[in-house]
Amino acid sequence: MAGQLIKRGDNIWLVRVFLGRDAEGQRRYHNHTVHGTKKDAQRYLTGVLQQRDTGTWVAPQALSLNAFLDDWLDKVIAHRVRPRTGHDYANVL
């Protein structure tokens, strides 16, 4: 079983993709709710399965705002503005 489409209501679909087992042997799944037609849900499922099979899919993870902004300052802002401006952005945040 690679993926499932489960109807949750009118034009609401749960897309469930099996990711394998973790170190303890527990099954891991990626669950995503699609609001739209069954065709939209199937398109999402196909895309995730393709990314999973090619190794380009990265599981969504919870990221705090603080961690996101630190990463943004380091990777994006540091290369686009002058050092003083980047320092000012960090102080404001």
PDB file of N, CA and C in Angstrom:
ATOM      1  N   MET A   1       0.848  -1.171   0.000  1.00  0.00           N
ATOM      2  CA  MET A   1       0.000   0.000   0.000  1.00  0.00           C
ATOM      3  C   MET A   1       0.895   1.236   0.000  1.00  0.00           C
ATOM      4  N   ALA A   2       0.917   1.946  -1.078  1.00  0.00           N
ATOM      5  CA  ALA A   2       1.752   3.137  -1.175  1.00  0.00           C
ATOM      6  C   ALA A   2       1.009   4.375  -0.719  1.00  0.00           C
ATOM      7  N   GLY A   3      -0.247   4.509  -1.085  1.00  0.00           N
ATOM      8  CA  GLY A   3      -1.003   5.687  -0.705  1.00  0.00           C
ATOM      9  C   GLY A   3      -2.492   5.409  -0.724  1.00  0.00           C
ATOM     10  N   GLN A   4      -3.230   6.234   0.012  1.00  0.00           N
ATOM     11  CA  GLN A   4      -4.674   6.064   0.108  1.00  0.00           C
ATOM     12  C   GLN A   4      -5.357   7.409  -0.069  1.00  0.00           C
ATOM     13  N   LEU A   5      -6.563   7.375  -0.603  1.00  0.00           N
ATOM     14  CA  LEU A   5      -7.455   8.521  -0.625  1.00  0.00           C
ATOM     15  C   LEU A   5      -8.667   8.145   0.211  1.00  0.00           C
ATOM     16  N   ILE A   6      -8.935   8.911   1.254  1.00  0.00           N
ATOM     17  CA  ILE A   6     -10.041   8.619   2.156  1.00  0.00           C
ATOM     18  C   ILE A   6     -10.975   9.814   2.150  1.00  0.00           C
ATOM     19  N   LYS A   7     -12.239   9.588   1.793  1.00  0.00           N
ATOM     20  CA  LYS A   7     -13.223  10.663   1.741  1.00  0.00           C
ATOM     21  C   LYS A   7     -13.605  11.074   3.157  1.00  0.00           C
ATOM     22  N   ARG A   8     -13.524  12.372   3.446  1.00  0.00           N
ATOM     23  CA  ARG A   8     -13.850  12.883   4.770  1.00  0.00           C
ATOM     24  C   ARG A   8     -15.087  13.768   4.785  1.00  0.00           C
ATOM     25  N   GLY A   9     -15.597  14.097   3.632  1.00  0.00           N
ATOM     26  CA  GLY A   9     -16.782  14.948   3.544  1.00  0.00           C
ATOM     27  C   GLY A   9     -16.960  15.400   2.110  1.00  0.00           C
ATOM     28  N   ASP A  10     -17.827  16.387   1.911  1.00  0.00           N
ATOM     29  CA  ASP A  10     -18.028  16.922   0.571  1.00  0.00           C
ATOM     30  C   ASP A  10     -16.766  17.654   0.138  1.00  0.00           C
ATOM     31  N   ASN A  11     -16.115  17.133  -0.892  1.00  0.00           N
ATOM     32  CA  ASN A  11     -14.893  17.717  -1.437  1.00  0.00           C
ATOM     33  C   ASN A  11     -13.781  17.867  -0.403  1.00  0.00           C
ATOM     34  N   ILE A  12     -13.700  16.928   0.529  1.00  0.00           N
ATOM     35  CA  ILE A  12     -12.612  16.885   1.503  1.00  0.00           C
ATOM     36  C   ILE A  12     -12.044  15.473   1.483  1.00  0.00           C
ATOM     37  N   TRP A  13     -10.741  15.365   1.250  1.00  0.00           N
ATOM     38  CA  TRP A  13     -10.078  14.079   1.109  1.00  0.00           C
ATOM     39  C   TRP A  13      -8.857  14.024   2.001  1.00  0.00           C
ATOM     40  N   LEU A  14      -8.662  12.897   2.658  1.00  0.00           N
ATOM     41  CA  LEU A  14      -7.441  12.643   3.412  1.00  0.00           C
ATOM     42  C   LEU A  14      -6.522  11.829   2.512  1.00  0.00           C
ATOM     43  N   VAL A  15      -5.336  12.361   2.257  1.00  0.00           N
ATOM     44  CA  VAL A  15      -4.333  11.655   1.464  1.00  0.00           C
ATOM     45  C   VAL A  15      -3.336  11.080   2.454  1.00  0.00           C
ATOM     46  N   ARG A  16      -3.130   9.774   2.385  1.00  0.00           N
ATOM     47  CA  ARG A  16      -2.245   9.087   3.332  1.00  0.00           C
ATOM     48  C   ARG A  16      -1.189   8.320   2.557  1.00  0.00           C
ATOM     49  N   VAL A  17       0.094   8.611   2.871  1.00  0.00           N
ATOM     50  CA  VAL A  17       1.212   7.987   2.162  1.00  0.00           C
ATOM     51  C   VAL A  17       2.065   7.222   3.172  1.00  0.00           C
ATOM     52  N   PHE A  18       2.308   5.957   2.891  1.00  0.00           N
ATOM     53  CA  PHE A  18       3.145   5.125   3.756  1.00  0.00           C
ATOM     54  C   PHE A  18       4.611   5.477   3.513  1.00  0.00           C
ATOM     55  N   LEU A  19       5.340   5.783   4.583  1.00  0.00           N
ATOM     56  CA  LEU A  19       6.735   6.197   4.484  1.00  0.00           C
ATOM     57  C   LEU A  19       7.725   5.134   4.914  1.00  0.00           C
ATOM     58  N   GLY A  20       7.235   4.022   5.416  1.00  0.00           N
ATOM     59  CA  GLY A  20       8.132   2.974   5.891  1.00  0.00           C
ATOM     60  C   GLY A  20       7.999   2.821   7.395  1.00  0.00           C
ATOM     61  N   ARG A  21       8.990   2.194   7.984  1.00  0.00           N
ATOM     62  CA  ARG A  21       8.974   1.969   9.429  1.00  0.00           C
ATOM     63  C   ARG A  21      10.141   2.691  10.080  1.00  0.00           C
ATOM     64  N   ASP A  22       9.926   3.117  11.321  1.00  0.00           N
ATOM     65  CA  ASP A  22      11.007   3.788  12.054  1.00  0.00           C
ATOM     66  C   ASP A  22      11.875   2.755  12.752  1.00  0.00           C
ATOM     67  N   ALA A  23      12.796   3.214  13.590  1.00  0.00           N
ATOM     68  CA  ALA A  23      13.754   2.325  14.250  1.00  0.00           C
ATOM     69  C   ALA A  23      13.077   1.321  15.181  1.00  0.00           C
ATOM     70  N   GLU A  24      11.937   1.695  15.759  1.00  0.00           N
ATOM     71  CA  GLU A  24      11.223   0.789  16.664  1.00  0.00           C
ATOM     72  C   GLU A  24      10.259  -0.127  15.930  1.00  0.00           C
ATOM     73  N   GLY A  25      10.163  -0.017  14.612  1.00  0.00           N
ATOM     74  CA  GLY A  25       9.269  -0.861  13.837  1.00  0.00           C
ATOM     75  C   GLY A  25       7.879  -0.286  13.654  1.00  0.00           C
ATOM     76  N   GLN A  26       7.636   0.927  14.130  1.00  0.00           N
ATOM     77  CA  GLN A  26       6.331   1.566  13.982  1.00  0.00           C
ATOM     78  C   GLN A  26       6.157   2.076  12.553  1.00  0.00           C
ATOM     79  N   ARG A  27       4.953   1.938  12.034  1.00  0.00           N
ATOM     80  CA  ARG A  27       4.670   2.452  10.689  1.00  0.00           C
ATOM     81  C   ARG A  27       4.635   3.972  10.723  1.00  0.00           C
ATOM     82  N   ARG A  28       5.185   4.591   9.670  1.00  0.00           N
ATOM     83  CA  ARG A  28       5.174   6.046   9.552  1.00  0.00           C
ATOM     84  C   ARG A  28       4.349   6.426   8.328  1.00  0.00           C
ATOM     85  N   TYR A  29       3.504   7.454   8.499  1.00  0.00           N
ATOM     86  CA  TYR A  29       2.638   7.925   7.419  1.00  0.00           C
ATOM     87  C   TYR A  29       2.744   9.437   7.302  1.00  0.00           C
ATOM     88  N   HIS A  30       2.507   9.922   6.094  1.00  0.00           N
ATOM     89  CA  HIS A  30       2.323  11.353   5.860  1.00  0.00           C
ATOM     90  C   HIS A  30       0.845  11.526   5.571  1.00  0.00           C
ATOM     91  N   ASN A  31       0.152  12.335   6.368  1.00  0.00           N
ATOM     92  CA  ASN A  31      -1.273  12.597   6.186  1.00  0.00           C
ATOM     93  C   ASN A  31      -1.459  14.045   5.774  1.00  0.00           C
ATOM     94  N   HIS A  32      -2.305  14.266   4.778  1.00  0.00           N
ATOM     95  CA  HIS A  32      -2.562  15.621   4.306  1.00  0.00           C
ATOM     96  C   HIS A  32      -4.023  15.709   3.881  1.00  0.00           C
ATOM     97  N   THR A  33      -4.707  16.764   4.296  1.00  0.00           N
ATOM     98  CA  THR A  33      -6.093  16.974   3.915  1.00  0.00           C
ATOM     99  C   THR A  33      -6.144  17.869   2.688  1.00  0.00           C
ATOM    100  N   VAL A  34      -6.871  17.424   1.679  1.00  0.00           N
ATOM    101  CA  VAL A  34      -7.049  18.184   0.445  1.00  0.00           C
ATOM    102  C   VAL A  34      -8.499  18.633   0.372  1.00  0.00           C
ATOM    103  N   HIS A  35      -8.712  19.931   0.240  1.00  0.00           N
ATOM    104  CA  HIS A  35     -10.052  20.483   0.039  1.00  0.00           C
ATOM    105  C   HIS A  35     -10.222  20.717  -1.452  1.00  0.00           C
ATOM    106  N   GLY A  36     -10.977  19.863  -2.089  1.00  0.00           N
ATOM    107  CA  GLY A  36     -11.175  19.941  -3.530  1.00  0.00           C
ATOM    108  C   GLY A  36     -11.737  18.635  -4.039  1.00  0.00           C
ATOM    109  N   THR A  37     -11.624  18.432  -5.306  1.00  0.00           N
ATOM    110  CA  THR A  37     -12.182  17.234  -5.916  1.00  0.00           C
ATOM    111  C   THR A  37     -11.267  16.033  -5.670  1.00  0.00           C
ATOM    112  N   LYS A  38     -11.789  14.863  -6.004  1.00  0.00           N
ATOM    113  CA  LYS A  38     -10.986  13.646  -5.881  1.00  0.00           C
ATOM    114  C   LYS A  38      -9.794  13.715  -6.822  1.00  0.00           C
ATOM    115  N   LYS A  39      -9.976  14.363  -7.960  1.00  0.00           N
ATOM    116  CA  LYS A  39      -8.889  14.521  -8.920  1.00  0.00           C
ATOM    117  C   LYS A  39      -7.752  15.364  -8.314  1.00  0.00           C
ATOM    118  N   ASP A  40      -8.097  16.403  -7.548  1.00  0.00           N
ATOM    119  CA  ASP A  40      -7.083  17.215  -6.872  1.00  0.00           C
ATOM    120  C   ASP A  40      -6.310  16.381  -5.854  1.00  0.00           C
ATOM    121  N   ALA A  41      -7.047  15.563  -5.100  1.00  0.00           N
ATOM    122  CA  ALA A  41      -6.400  14.706  -4.106  1.00  0.00           C
ATOM    123  C   ALA A  41      -5.498  13.677  -4.777  1.00  0.00           C
ATOM    124  N   GLN A  42      -5.951  13.112  -5.888  1.00  0.00           N
ATOM    125  CA  GLN A  42      -5.142  12.141  -6.621  1.00  0.00           C
ATOM    126  C   GLN A  42      -3.883  12.790  -7.174  1.00  0.00           C
ATOM    127  N   ARG A  43      -3.997  14.029  -7.632  1.00  0.00           N
ATOM    128  CA  ARG A  43      -2.843  14.757  -8.154  1.00  0.00           C
ATOM    129  C   ARG A  43      -1.810  14.984  -7.037  1.00  0.00           C
ATOM    130  N   TYR A  44      -2.285  15.354  -5.843  1.00  0.00           N
ATOM    131  CA  TYR A  44      -1.377  15.545  -4.706  1.00  0.00           C
ATOM    132  C   TYR A  44      -0.702  14.225  -4.337  1.00  0.00           C
ATOM    133  N   LEU A  45      -1.482  13.149  -4.272  1.00  0.00           N
ATOM    134  CA  LEU A  45      -0.944  11.834  -3.927  1.00  0.00           C
ATOM    135  C   LEU A  45       0.116  11.400  -4.931  1.00  0.00           C
ATOM    136  N   THR A  46      -0.159  11.568  -6.203  1.00  0.00           N
ATOM    137  CA  THR A  46       0.798  11.187  -7.244  1.00  0.00           C
ATOM    138  C   THR A  46       2.098  11.975  -7.107  1.00  0.00           C
ATOM    139  N   GLY A  47       1.975  13.276  -6.821  1.00  0.00           N
ATOM    140  CA  GLY A  47       3.162  14.112  -6.655  1.00  0.00           C
ATOM    141  C   GLY A  47       4.014  13.685  -5.474  1.00  0.00           C
ATOM    142  N   VAL A  48       3.368  13.392  -4.343  1.00  0.00           N
ATOM    143  CA  VAL A  48       4.110  12.967  -3.151  1.00  0.00           C
ATOM    144  C   VAL A  48       4.773  11.615  -3.387  1.00  0.00           C
ATOM    145  N   LEU A  49       4.064  10.696  -4.019  1.00  0.00           N
ATOM    146  CA  LEU A  49       4.649   9.375  -4.303  1.00  0.00           C
ATOM    147  C   LEU A  49       5.845   9.490  -5.245  1.00  0.00           C
ATOM    148  N   GLN A  50       5.739  10.360  -6.239  1.00  0.00           N
ATOM    149  CA  GLN A  50       6.851  10.559  -7.164  1.00  0.00           C
ATOM    150  C   GLN A  50       8.058  11.134  -6.433  1.00  0.00           C
ATOM    151  N   GLN A  51       7.817  12.149  -5.591  1.00  0.00           N
ATOM    152  CA  GLN A  51       8.921  12.745  -4.828  1.00  0.00           C
ATOM    153  C   GLN A  51       9.523  11.737  -3.859  1.00  0.00           C
ATOM    154  N   ARG A  52       8.675  10.928  -3.223  1.00  0.00           N
ATOM    155  CA  ARG A  52       9.167   9.917  -2.292  1.00  0.00           C
ATOM    156  C   ARG A  52      10.043   8.895  -3.009  1.00  0.00           C
ATOM    157  N   ASP A  53       9.606   8.470  -4.189  1.00  0.00           N
ATOM    158  CA  ASP A  53      10.342   7.446  -4.933  1.00  0.00           C
ATOM    159  C   ASP A  53      11.661   7.972  -5.495  1.00  0.00           C
ATOM    160  N   THR A  54      11.725   9.255  -5.831  1.00  0.00           N
ATOM    161  CA  THR A  54      12.969   9.824  -6.363  1.00  0.00           C
ATOM    162  C   THR A  54      13.883  10.346  -5.266  1.00  0.00           C
ATOM    163  N   GLY A  55      13.394  10.369  -4.034  1.00  0.00           N
ATOM    164  CA  GLY A  55      14.218  10.822  -2.915  1.00  0.00           C
ATOM    165  C   GLY A  55      14.270  12.322  -2.744  1.00  0.00           C
ATOM    166  N   THR A  56      13.370  13.061  -3.384  1.00  0.00           N
ATOM    167  CA  THR A  56      13.375  14.513  -3.269  1.00  0.00           C
ATOM    168  C   THR A  56      12.339  15.032  -2.282  1.00  0.00           C
ATOM    169  N   TRP A  57      11.488  14.163  -1.757  1.00  0.00           N
ATOM    170  CA  TRP A  57      10.443  14.608  -0.840  1.00  0.00           C
ATOM    171  C   TRP A  57      11.009  14.759   0.561  1.00  0.00           C
ATOM    172  N   VAL A  58      10.704  15.873   1.177  1.00  0.00           N
ATOM    173  CA  VAL A  58      11.114  16.131   2.552  1.00  0.00           C
ATOM    174  C   VAL A  58       9.853  16.276   3.380  1.00  0.00           C
ATOM    175  N   ALA A  59       9.769  15.507   4.443  1.00  0.00           N
ATOM    176  CA  ALA A  59       8.579  15.544   5.290  1.00  0.00           C
ATOM    177  C   ALA A  59       8.433  16.908   5.944  1.00  0.00           C
ATOM    178  N   PRO A  60       7.217  17.460   5.940  1.00  0.00           N
ATOM    179  CA  PRO A  60       7.002  18.731   6.634  1.00  0.00           C
ATOM    180  C   PRO A  60       7.288  18.568   8.119  1.00  0.00           C
ATOM    181  N   GLN A  61       7.853  19.591   8.698  1.00  0.00           N
ATOM    182  CA  GLN A  61       8.146  19.518  10.124  1.00  0.00           C
ATOM    183  C   GLN A  61       7.751  20.831  10.790  1.00  0.00           C
ATOM    184  N   ALA A  62       7.436  20.740  12.050  1.00  0.00           N
ATOM    185  CA  ALA A  62       7.092  21.934  12.803  1.00  0.00           C
ATOM    186  C   ALA A  62       8.361  22.730  13.056  1.00  0.00           C
ATOM    187  N   LEU A  63       8.306  24.010  12.745  1.00  0.00           N
ATOM    188  CA  LEU A  63       9.452  24.889  12.919  1.00  0.00           C
ATOM    189  C   LEU A  63       8.962  26.135  13.621  1.00  0.00           C
ATOM    190  N   SER A  64       9.613  26.484  14.708  1.00  0.00           N
ATOM    191  CA  SER A  64       9.178  27.664  15.447  1.00  0.00           C
ATOM    192  C   SER A  64       9.484  28.913  14.632  1.00  0.00           C
ATOM    193  N   LEU A  65       8.770  29.975  14.927  1.00  0.00           N
ATOM    194  CA  LEU A  65       9.001  31.236  14.223  1.00  0.00           C
ATOM    195  C   LEU A  65      10.416  31.729  14.472  1.00  0.00           C
ATOM    196  N   ASN A  66      10.892  31.576  15.685  1.00  0.00           N
ATOM    197  CA  ASN A  66      12.246  32.015  16.031  1.00  0.00           C
ATOM    198  C   ASN A  66      13.292  31.270  15.191  1.00  0.00           C
ATOM    199  N   ALA A  67      13.154  29.963  15.070  1.00  0.00           N
ATOM    200  CA  ALA A  67      14.097  29.180  14.277  1.00  0.00           C
ATOM    201  C   ALA A  67      14.013  29.552  12.797  1.00  0.00           C
ATOM    202  N   PHE A  68      12.788  29.776  12.300  1.00  0.00           N
ATOM    203  CA  PHE A  68      12.622  30.174  10.909  1.00  0.00           C
ATOM    204  C   PHE A  68      13.293  31.514  10.636  1.00  0.00           C
ATOM    205  N   LEU A  69      13.091  32.485  11.517  1.00  0.00           N
ATOM    206  CA  LEU A  69      13.674  33.808  11.312  1.00  0.00           C
ATOM    207  C   LEU A  69      15.195  33.778  11.426  1.00  0.00           C
ATOM    208  N   ASP A  70      15.734  32.986  12.339  1.00  0.00           N
ATOM    209  CA  ASP A  70      17.192  32.850  12.428  1.00  0.00           C
ATOM    210  C   ASP A  70      17.759  32.274  11.132  1.00  0.00           C
ATOM    211  N   ASP A  71      17.102  31.256  10.614  1.00  0.00           N
ATOM    212  CA  ASP A  71      17.534  30.648   9.360  1.00  0.00           C
ATOM    213  C   ASP A  71      17.420  31.647   8.210  1.00  0.00           C
ATOM    214  N   TRP A  72      16.338  32.413   8.190  1.00  0.00           N
ATOM    215  CA  TRP A  72      16.121  33.419   7.153  1.00  0.00           C
ATOM    216  C   TRP A  72      17.203  34.488   7.194  1.00  0.00           C
ATOM    217  N   LEU A  73      17.548  34.941   8.389  1.00  0.00           N
ATOM    218  CA  LEU A  73      18.608  35.945   8.518  1.00  0.00           C
ATOM    219  C   LEU A  73      19.942  35.408   8.015  1.00  0.00           C
ATOM    220  N   ASP A  74      20.253  34.171   8.355  1.00  0.00           N
ATOM    221  CA  ASP A  74      21.548  33.592   7.983  1.00  0.00           C
ATOM    222  C   ASP A  74      21.652  33.265   6.494  1.00  0.00           C
ATOM    223  N   LYS A  75      20.588  32.711   5.931  1.00  0.00           N
ATOM    224  CA  LYS A  75      20.681  32.208   4.557  1.00  0.00           C
ATOM    225  C   LYS A  75      20.225  33.199   3.490  1.00  0.00           C
ATOM    226  N   VAL A  76      19.298  34.072   3.820  1.00  0.00           N
ATOM    227  CA  VAL A  76      18.744  34.958   2.803  1.00  0.00           C
ATOM    228  C   VAL A  76      19.249  36.384   2.974  1.00  0.00           C
ATOM    229  N   ILE A  77      19.008  36.942   4.129  1.00  0.00           N
ATOM    230  CA  ILE A  77      19.317  38.354   4.342  1.00  0.00           C
ATOM    231  C   ILE A  77      20.815  38.621   4.303  1.00  0.00           C
ATOM    232  N   ALA A  78      21.611  37.725   4.832  1.00  0.00           N
ATOM    233  CA  ALA A  78      23.068  37.938   4.870  1.00  0.00           C
ATOM    234  C   ALA A  78      23.656  38.119   3.477  1.00  0.00           C
ATOM    235  N   HIS A  79      23.026  37.563   2.466  1.00  0.00           N
ATOM    236  CA  HIS A  79      23.557  37.640   1.104  1.00  0.00           C
ATOM    237  C   HIS A  79      22.926  38.753   0.265  1.00  0.00           C
ATOM    238  N   ARG A  80      21.884  39.397   0.798  1.00  0.00           N
ATOM    239  CA  ARG A  80      21.164  40.387  -0.005  1.00  0.00           C
ATOM    240  C   ARG A  80      21.361  41.827   0.454  1.00  0.00           C
ATOM    241  N   VAL A  81      21.763  42.009   1.688  1.00  0.00           N
ATOM    242  CA  VAL A  81      21.914  43.373   2.203  1.00  0.00           C
ATOM    243  C   VAL A  81      23.306  43.551   2.790  1.00  0.00           C
ATOM    244  N   ARG A  82      23.636  44.786   3.076  1.00  0.00           N
ATOM    245  CA  ARG A  82      24.934  45.073   3.689  1.00  0.00           C
ATOM    246  C   ARG A  82      24.960  44.550   5.123  1.00  0.00           C
ATOM    247  N   PRO A  83      26.150  44.289   5.650  1.00  0.00           N
ATOM    248  CA  PRO A  83      26.252  43.727   7.011  1.00  0.00           C
ATOM    249  C   PRO A  83      25.549  44.573   8.074  1.00  0.00           C
ATOM    250  N   ARG A  84      25.675  45.875   7.976  1.00  0.00           N
ATOM    251  CA  ARG A  84      25.030  46.746   8.979  1.00  0.00           C
ATOM    252  C   ARG A  84      23.509  46.591   8.928  1.00  0.00           C
ATOM    253  N   THR A  85      22.950  46.511   7.745  1.00  0.00           N
ATOM    254  CA  THR A  85      21.508  46.338   7.598  1.00  0.00           C
ATOM    255  C   THR A  85      21.073  44.992   8.159  1.00  0.00           C
ATOM    256  N   GLY A  86      21.847  43.942   7.881  1.00  0.00           N
ATOM    257  CA  GLY A  86      21.541  42.629   8.432  1.00  0.00           C
ATOM    258  C   GLY A  86      21.583  42.630   9.947  1.00  0.00           C
ATOM    259  N   HIS A  87      22.543  43.341  10.510  1.00  0.00           N
ATOM    260  CA  HIS A  87      22.646  43.472  11.970  1.00  0.00           C
ATOM    261  C   HIS A  87      21.428  44.210  12.523  1.00  0.00           C
ATOM    262  N   ASP A  88      20.998  45.257  11.837  1.00  0.00           N
ATOM    263  CA  ASP A  88      19.804  45.992  12.269  1.00  0.00           C
ATOM    264  C   ASP A  88      18.561  45.119  12.207  1.00  0.00           C
ATOM    265  N   TYR A  89      18.428  44.299  11.150  1.00  0.00           N
ATOM    266  CA  TYR A  89      17.283  43.387  11.048  1.00  0.00           C
ATOM    267  C   TYR A  89      17.278  42.420  12.226  1.00  0.00           C
ATOM    268  N   ALA A  90      18.449  41.894  12.579  1.00  0.00           N
ATOM    269  CA  ALA A  90      18.544  40.945  13.702  1.00  0.00           C
ATOM    270  C   ALA A  90      18.161  41.625  15.012  1.00  0.00           C
ATOM    271  N   ASN A  91      18.564  42.867  15.184  1.00  0.00           N
ATOM    272  CA  ASN A  91      18.205  43.584  16.419  1.00  0.00           C
ATOM    273  C   ASN A  91      16.711  43.823  16.506  1.00  0.00           C
ATOM    274  N   VAL A  92      16.072  44.146  15.401  1.00  0.00           N
ATOM    275  CA  VAL A  92      14.627  44.375  15.405  1.00  0.00           C
ATOM    276  C   VAL A  92      13.888  43.088  15.735  1.00  0.00           C
ATOM    277  N   LEU A  93      14.369  41.977  15.188  1.00  0.00           N
ATOM    278  CA  LEU A  93      13.687  40.699  15.437  1.00  0.00           C
ATOM    279  C   LEU A  93      14.000  40.196  16.826  1.00  0.00           C
TER     280      LEU A  93
END
